[in-house]
Amino acid sequence: MPRAKAFDPDLVLDRAIELFWRRGYEGASMAKLLEFMGISRQSLYDTFGDKHRLFLAAIDRYCVNLRSEFERIVSAQASGTAGIRAGFDWVRSEVVEHPEHRSCLMANSALELGQRDPELRARVAEHLLEIEEVFFTALERDSVTGELNGRRDNRALARFLTNSMYGLGVLSRGGASQMAVRDTIETTLSVLTV
């Protein structure tokens, strides 16, 4: 009978997420990961396989959690437009206003490894489509109620909003001021009222 794990794999993944977020894939050495996660090398290999598999598992968990929370925030509002605004406000407060200006783990990872890691690139593409779908659903909701112009291409607008949302992290990581970020959000959201 296999022994029960002496650690919670989800908690360990959350710790890995934090370290990958702070340091990137290349900057998170195996020794630092083991120390930060509080597990042995053998436990890492037995549970995740290797550093790359751990990284992909961390990305998967991060993306599921982010999409779930983002969807909850957007769909909880009285209208799709209000939900989209609430979603951008949440991203600003969670990512852009973070003291470390750490942007988004998924976006950071895509910039660091996307060209040479096809497994990561596939996960990034899937995640972006999931976020696009959250925006699209909100836009469709307002098109049905007449709150938005029904002649718009809601799919294209959802893609634009997704791109804009992830661009906020790049702005933040690059040292843009809070005013620049707020202006970018307001300009982005202005397309909803045209």
C-alpha atoms as a PDB file:
ATOM      1  CA  MET A   1       0.000   0.000   0.000  1.00  0.00           C
ATOM      2  CA  PRO A   2       1.452   3.418  -0.944  1.00  0.00           C
ATOM      3  CA  ARG A   3       2.300   5.737   1.892  1.00  0.00           C
ATOM      4  CA  ALA A   4       0.134   8.792   2.414  1.00  0.00           C
ATOM      5  CA  LYS A   5       1.801  12.048   1.491  1.00  0.00           C
ATOM      6  CA  ALA A   6       3.181  13.952   4.449  1.00  0.00           C
ATOM      7  CA  PHE A   7       2.212  17.229   2.785  1.00  0.00           C
ATOM      8  CA  ASP A   8      -0.747  18.812   1.043  1.00  0.00           C
ATOM      9  CA  PRO A   9       0.039  18.890  -2.719  1.00  0.00           C
ATOM     10  CA  ASP A  10      -2.221  21.934  -3.238  1.00  0.00           C
ATOM     11  CA  LEU A  11      -0.420  23.885  -0.520  1.00  0.00           C
ATOM     12  CA  VAL A  12       2.925  22.891  -2.012  1.00  0.00           C
ATOM     13  CA  LEU A  13       1.714  24.041  -5.450  1.00  0.00           C
ATOM     14  CA  ASP A  14       0.584  27.356  -3.971  1.00  0.00           C
ATOM     15  CA  ARG A  15       4.087  27.847  -2.584  1.00  0.00           C
ATOM     16  CA  ALA A  16       5.608  26.941  -5.953  1.00  0.00           C
ATOM     17  CA  ILE A  17       3.280  29.439  -7.633  1.00  0.00           C
ATOM     18  CA  GLU A  18       4.511  32.152  -5.275  1.00  0.00           C
ATOM     19  CA  LEU A  19       8.176  31.433  -5.959  1.00  0.00           C
ATOM     20  CA  PHE A  20       7.755  31.129  -9.732  1.00  0.00           C
ATOM     21  CA  TRP A  21       5.783  34.378  -9.630  1.00  0.00           C
ATOM     22  CA  ARG A  22       8.540  36.181  -7.732  1.00  0.00           C
ATOM     23  CA  ARG A  23      11.536  34.771  -9.559  1.00  0.00           C
ATOM     24  CA  GLY A  24      10.368  33.283 -12.845  1.00  0.00           C
ATOM     25  CA  TYR A  25      11.090  29.753 -13.989  1.00  0.00           C
ATOM     26  CA  GLU A  26      14.818  30.213 -14.521  1.00  0.00           C
ATOM     27  CA  GLY A  27      15.241  32.218 -11.314  1.00  0.00           C
ATOM     28  CA  ALA A  28      13.597  29.563  -9.147  1.00  0.00           C
ATOM     29  CA  SER A  29      16.395  27.072  -8.531  1.00  0.00           C
ATOM     30  CA  MET A  30      15.560  23.540  -7.490  1.00  0.00           C
ATOM     31  CA  ALA A  31      17.180  24.161  -4.089  1.00  0.00           C
ATOM     32  CA  LYS A  32      15.105  27.312  -3.556  1.00  0.00           C
ATOM     33  CA  LEU A  33      11.910  25.544  -4.647  1.00  0.00           C
ATOM     34  CA  LEU A  34      12.495  22.658  -2.228  1.00  0.00           C
ATOM     35  CA  GLU A  35      13.255  25.057   0.623  1.00  0.00           C
ATOM     36  CA  PHE A  36      10.268  27.296  -0.141  1.00  0.00           C
ATOM     37  CA  MET A  37       7.852  24.395  -0.565  1.00  0.00           C
ATOM     38  CA  GLY A  38       9.184  22.556   2.479  1.00  0.00           C
ATOM     39  CA  ILE A  39       9.475  19.168   0.757  1.00  0.00           C
ATOM     40  CA  SER A  40      12.318  16.836  -0.160  1.00  0.00           C
ATOM     41  CA  ARG A  41      13.704  16.346  -3.642  1.00  0.00           C
ATOM     42  CA  GLN A  42      12.286  12.817  -3.664  1.00  0.00           C
ATOM     43  CA  SER A  43       8.813  14.100  -2.716  1.00  0.00           C
ATOM     44  CA  LEU A  44       8.950  16.574  -5.580  1.00  0.00           C
ATOM     45  CA  TYR A  45       9.947  13.854  -8.048  1.00  0.00           C
ATOM     46  CA  ASP A  46       7.383  11.379  -6.699  1.00  0.00           C
ATOM     47  CA  THR A  47       4.541  13.911  -6.803  1.00  0.00           C
ATOM     48  CA  PHE A  48       5.301  16.135  -9.788  1.00  0.00           C
ATOM     49  CA  GLY A  49       8.025  14.407 -11.809  1.00  0.00           C
ATOM     50  CA  ASP A  50      10.552  17.209 -12.228  1.00  0.00           C
ATOM     51  CA  LYS A  51      10.873  20.988 -12.072  1.00  0.00           C
ATOM     52  CA  HIS A  52       9.187  21.499 -15.439  1.00  0.00           C
ATOM     53  CA  ARG A  53       6.220  19.294 -14.513  1.00  0.00           C
ATOM     54  CA  LEU A  54       5.951  21.151 -11.178  1.00  0.00           C
ATOM     55  CA  PHE A  55       5.984  24.433 -13.085  1.00  0.00           C
ATOM     56  CA  LEU A  56       3.234  23.299 -15.466  1.00  0.00           C
ATOM     57  CA  ALA A  57       1.146  22.032 -12.534  1.00  0.00           C
ATOM     58  CA  ALA A  58       1.639  25.410 -10.833  1.00  0.00           C
ATOM     59  CA  ILE A  59       0.590  27.245 -14.016  1.00  0.00           C
ATOM     60  CA  ASP A  60      -2.479  25.009 -14.321  1.00  0.00           C
ATOM     61  CA  ARG A  61      -3.526  25.679 -10.725  1.00  0.00           C
ATOM     62  CA  TYR A  62      -2.876  29.406 -11.060  1.00  0.00           C
ATOM     63  CA  CYS A  63      -4.933  29.651 -14.267  1.00  0.00           C
ATOM     64  CA  VAL A  64      -7.858  27.663 -12.850  1.00  0.00           C
ATOM     65  CA  ASN A  65      -7.928  29.814  -9.713  1.00  0.00           C
ATOM     66  CA  LEU A  66      -7.565  33.084 -11.624  1.00  0.00           C
ATOM     67  CA  ARG A  67     -10.257  32.241 -14.181  1.00  0.00           C
ATOM     68  CA  SER A  68     -12.630  31.045 -11.489  1.00  0.00           C
ATOM     69  CA  GLU A  69     -12.245  34.183  -9.384  1.00  0.00           C
ATOM     70  CA  PHE A  70     -12.375  36.478 -12.412  1.00  0.00           C
ATOM     71  CA  GLU A  71     -15.527  34.787 -13.705  1.00  0.00           C
ATOM     72  CA  ARG A  72     -17.128  34.985 -10.257  1.00  0.00           C
ATOM     73  CA  ILE A  73     -16.429  38.724 -10.023  1.00  0.00           C
ATOM     74  CA  VAL A  74     -17.620  39.525 -13.558  1.00  0.00           C
ATOM     75  CA  SER A  75     -20.790  37.438 -13.397  1.00  0.00           C
ATOM     76  CA  ALA A  76     -21.797  38.696  -9.935  1.00  0.00           C
ATOM     77  CA  GLN A  77     -22.538  42.210 -11.211  1.00  0.00           C
ATOM     78  CA  ALA A  78     -25.950  43.487 -12.287  1.00  0.00           C
ATOM     79  CA  SER A  79     -24.836  43.960 -15.896  1.00  0.00           C
ATOM     80  CA  GLY A  80     -22.096  42.657 -18.136  1.00  0.00           C
ATOM     81  CA  THR A  81     -20.551  46.118 -18.415  1.00  0.00           C
ATOM     82  CA  ALA A  82     -20.483  46.509 -14.636  1.00  0.00           C
ATOM     83  CA  GLY A  83     -18.945  43.045 -14.428  1.00  0.00           C
ATOM     84  CA  ILE A  84     -16.217  43.936 -16.900  1.00  0.00           C
ATOM     85  CA  ARG A  85     -15.408  47.073 -14.904  1.00  0.00           C
ATOM     86  CA  ALA A  86     -15.333  45.039 -11.677  1.00  0.00           C
ATOM     87  CA  GLY A  87     -13.013  42.540 -13.372  1.00  0.00           C
ATOM     88  CA  PHE A  88     -10.590  45.264 -14.417  1.00  0.00           C
ATOM     89  CA  ASP A  89     -10.735  46.773 -10.919  1.00  0.00           C
ATOM     90  CA  TRP A  90      -9.904  43.370  -9.439  1.00  0.00           C
ATOM     91  CA  VAL A  91      -6.941  42.885 -11.787  1.00  0.00           C
ATOM     92  CA  ARG A  92      -5.689  46.363 -10.928  1.00  0.00           C
ATOM     93  CA  SER A  93      -5.891  45.714  -7.192  1.00  0.00           C
ATOM     94  CA  GLU A  94      -4.498  42.153  -7.282  1.00  0.00           C
ATOM     95  CA  VAL A  95      -1.746  42.477  -9.853  1.00  0.00           C
ATOM     96  CA  VAL A  96      -0.985  46.066 -10.720  1.00  0.00           C
ATOM     97  CA  GLU A  97      -1.134  47.547  -7.228  1.00  0.00           C
ATOM     98  CA  HIS A  98       0.787  44.665  -5.650  1.00  0.00           C
ATOM     99  CA  PRO A  99       3.849  46.034  -3.812  1.00  0.00           C
ATOM    100  CA  GLU A 100       6.163  43.909  -5.969  1.00  0.00           C
ATOM    101  CA  HIS A 101       4.477  44.982  -9.252  1.00  0.00           C
ATOM    102  CA  ARG A 102       4.613  41.329 -10.163  1.00  0.00           C
ATOM    103  CA  SER A 103       2.188  41.377 -13.074  1.00  0.00           C
ATOM    104  CA  CYS A 104       0.552  38.023 -13.841  1.00  0.00           C
ATOM    105  CA  LEU A 105       2.329  34.686 -13.413  1.00  0.00           C
ATOM    106  CA  MET A 106       0.891  33.328 -16.646  1.00  0.00           C
ATOM    107  CA  ALA A 107       1.854  36.423 -18.645  1.00  0.00           C
ATOM    108  CA  ASN A 108       5.308  36.598 -17.042  1.00  0.00           C
ATOM    109  CA  SER A 109       5.870  32.933 -17.857  1.00  0.00           C
ATOM    110  CA  ALA A 110       4.694  33.381 -21.441  1.00  0.00           C
ATOM    111  CA  LEU A 111       7.184  36.207 -21.908  1.00  0.00           C
ATOM    112  CA  GLU A 112      10.000  34.234 -20.271  1.00  0.00           C
ATOM    113  CA  LEU A 113       9.460  30.809 -21.844  1.00  0.00           C
ATOM    114  CA  GLY A 114       6.671  30.961 -24.410  1.00  0.00           C
ATOM    115  CA  GLN A 115       8.862  30.795 -27.500  1.00  0.00           C
ATOM    116  CA  ARG A 116      10.732  27.700 -26.336  1.00  0.00           C
ATOM    117  CA  ASP A 117       8.123  25.804 -24.303  1.00  0.00           C
ATOM    118  CA  PRO A 118       5.255  24.487 -26.447  1.00  0.00           C
ATOM    119  CA  GLU A 119       3.447  22.996 -23.438  1.00  0.00           C
ATOM    120  CA  LEU A 120       3.383  26.368 -21.714  1.00  0.00           C
ATOM    121  CA  ARG A 121       2.387  28.117 -24.939  1.00  0.00           C
ATOM    122  CA  ALA A 122      -0.612  25.771 -25.288  1.00  0.00           C
ATOM    123  CA  ARG A 123      -1.673  26.487 -21.702  1.00  0.00           C
ATOM    124  CA  VAL A 124      -1.361  30.246 -22.242  1.00  0.00           C
ATOM    125  CA  ALA A 125      -3.480  30.061 -25.402  1.00  0.00           C
ATOM    126  CA  GLU A 126      -6.137  28.020 -23.597  1.00  0.00           C
ATOM    127  CA  HIS A 127      -6.193  30.398 -20.627  1.00  0.00           C
ATOM    128  CA  LEU A 128      -6.533  33.464 -22.848  1.00  0.00           C
ATOM    129  CA  LEU A 129      -9.494  31.838 -24.596  1.00  0.00           C
ATOM    130  CA  GLU A 130     -11.112  31.141 -21.210  1.00  0.00           C
ATOM    131  CA  ILE A 131     -10.745  34.784 -20.145  1.00  0.00           C
ATOM    132  CA  GLU A 132     -11.998  35.908 -23.556  1.00  0.00           C
ATOM    133  CA  GLU A 133     -15.063  33.724 -23.026  1.00  0.00           C
ATOM    134  CA  VAL A 134     -15.786  35.406 -19.672  1.00  0.00           C
ATOM    135  CA  PHE A 135     -15.695  38.801 -21.403  1.00  0.00           C
ATOM    136  CA  PHE A 136     -17.762  37.512 -24.336  1.00  0.00           C
ATOM    137  CA  THR A 137     -20.460  36.153 -22.022  1.00  0.00           C
ATOM    138  CA  ALA A 138     -20.669  39.507 -20.218  1.00  0.00           C
ATOM    139  CA  LEU A 139     -20.898  41.394 -23.524  1.00  0.00           C
ATOM    140  CA  GLU A 140     -23.560  39.048 -24.873  1.00  0.00           C
ATOM    141  CA  ARG A 141     -25.575  39.529 -21.693  1.00  0.00           C
ATOM    142  CA  ASP A 142     -25.660  43.278 -22.285  1.00  0.00           C
ATOM    143  CA  SER A 143     -26.396  42.879 -25.997  1.00  0.00           C
ATOM    144  CA  VAL A 144     -29.491  40.844 -25.146  1.00  0.00           C
ATOM    145  CA  THR A 145     -30.722  43.436 -22.630  1.00  0.00           C
ATOM    146  CA  GLY A 146     -29.993  46.306 -25.031  1.00  0.00           C
ATOM    147  CA  GLU A 147     -27.383  47.865 -22.751  1.00  0.00           C
ATOM    148  CA  LEU A 148     -24.751  47.537 -25.502  1.00  0.00           C
ATOM    149  CA  ASN A 149     -25.051  48.238 -29.197  1.00  0.00           C
ATOM    150  CA  GLY A 150     -26.146  44.955 -30.769  1.00  0.00           C
ATOM    151  CA  ARG A 151     -24.218  45.675 -33.974  1.00  0.00           C
ATOM    152  CA  ARG A 152     -20.854  45.235 -32.296  1.00  0.00           C
ATOM    153  CA  ASP A 153     -18.647  42.230 -32.810  1.00  0.00           C
ATOM    154  CA  ASN A 154     -18.650  40.969 -29.244  1.00  0.00           C
ATOM    155  CA  ARG A 155     -16.037  38.301 -30.010  1.00  0.00           C
ATOM    156  CA  ALA A 156     -13.559  40.883 -31.304  1.00  0.00           C
ATOM    157  CA  LEU A 157     -14.353  43.157 -28.359  1.00  0.00           C
ATOM    158  CA  ALA A 158     -13.791  40.267 -25.917  1.00  0.00           C
ATOM    159  CA  ARG A 159     -10.381  39.649 -27.513  1.00  0.00           C
ATOM    160  CA  PHE A 160      -9.531  43.334 -27.214  1.00  0.00           C
ATOM    161  CA  LEU A 161     -10.520  43.374 -23.533  1.00  0.00           C
ATOM    162  CA  THR A 162      -8.462  40.236 -22.857  1.00  0.00           C
ATOM    163  CA  ASN A 163      -5.417  41.758 -24.516  1.00  0.00           C
ATOM    164  CA  SER A 164      -5.896  45.019 -22.623  1.00  0.00           C
ATOM    165  CA  MET A 165      -6.271  43.241 -19.305  1.00  0.00           C
ATOM    166  CA  TYR A 166      -3.015  41.342 -19.724  1.00  0.00           C
ATOM    167  CA  GLY A 167      -1.288  44.483 -20.961  1.00  0.00           C
ATOM    168  CA  LEU A 168      -1.918  46.066 -17.556  1.00  0.00           C
ATOM    169  CA  GLY A 169       0.511  43.615 -15.990  1.00  0.00           C
ATOM    170  CA  VAL A 170       3.199  44.548 -18.494  1.00  0.00           C
ATOM    171  CA  LEU A 171       2.608  48.234 -17.740  1.00  0.00           C
ATOM    172  CA  SER A 172       2.891  47.577 -14.034  1.00  0.00           C
ATOM    173  CA  ARG A 173       5.968  45.389 -14.355  1.00  0.00           C
ATOM    174  CA  GLY A 174       7.549  48.080 -16.493  1.00  0.00           C
ATOM    175  CA  GLY A 175       7.078  50.669 -13.742  1.00  0.00           C
ATOM    176  CA  ALA A 176       4.113  52.642 -15.115  1.00  0.00           C
ATOM    177  CA  SER A 177       2.467  54.976 -12.633  1.00  0.00           C
ATOM    178  CA  GLN A 178      -0.860  54.195 -11.021  1.00  0.00           C
ATOM    179  CA  MET A 179      -2.312  57.113 -12.988  1.00  0.00           C
ATOM    180  CA  ALA A 180      -1.104  55.615 -16.273  1.00  0.00           C
ATOM    181  CA  VAL A 181      -2.694  52.288 -15.354  1.00  0.00           C
ATOM    182  CA  ARG A 182      -5.989  53.950 -14.351  1.00  0.00           C
ATOM    183  CA  ASP A 183      -6.002  55.976 -17.578  1.00  0.00           C
ATOM    184  CA  THR A 184      -5.409  52.814 -19.588  1.00  0.00           C
ATOM    185  CA  ILE A 185      -8.292  51.054 -17.850  1.00  0.00           C
ATOM    186  CA  GLU A 186     -10.658  53.995 -18.381  1.00  0.00           C
ATOM    187  CA  THR A 187      -9.712  54.297 -22.045  1.00  0.00           C
ATOM    188  CA  THR A 188     -10.161  50.555 -22.517  1.00  0.00           C
ATOM    189  CA  LEU A 189     -13.567  50.590 -20.852  1.00  0.00           C
ATOM    190  CA  SER A 190     -14.653  53.616 -22.890  1.00  0.00           C
ATOM    191  CA  VAL A 191     -15.145  51.318 -25.896  1.00  0.00           C
ATOM    192  CA  LEU A 192     -18.124  49.848 -24.069  1.00  0.00           C
ATOM    193  CA  THR A 193     -20.021  53.136 -24.172  1.00  0.00           C
ATOM    194  CA  VAL A 194     -19.338  54.196 -27.771  1.00  0.00           C
END
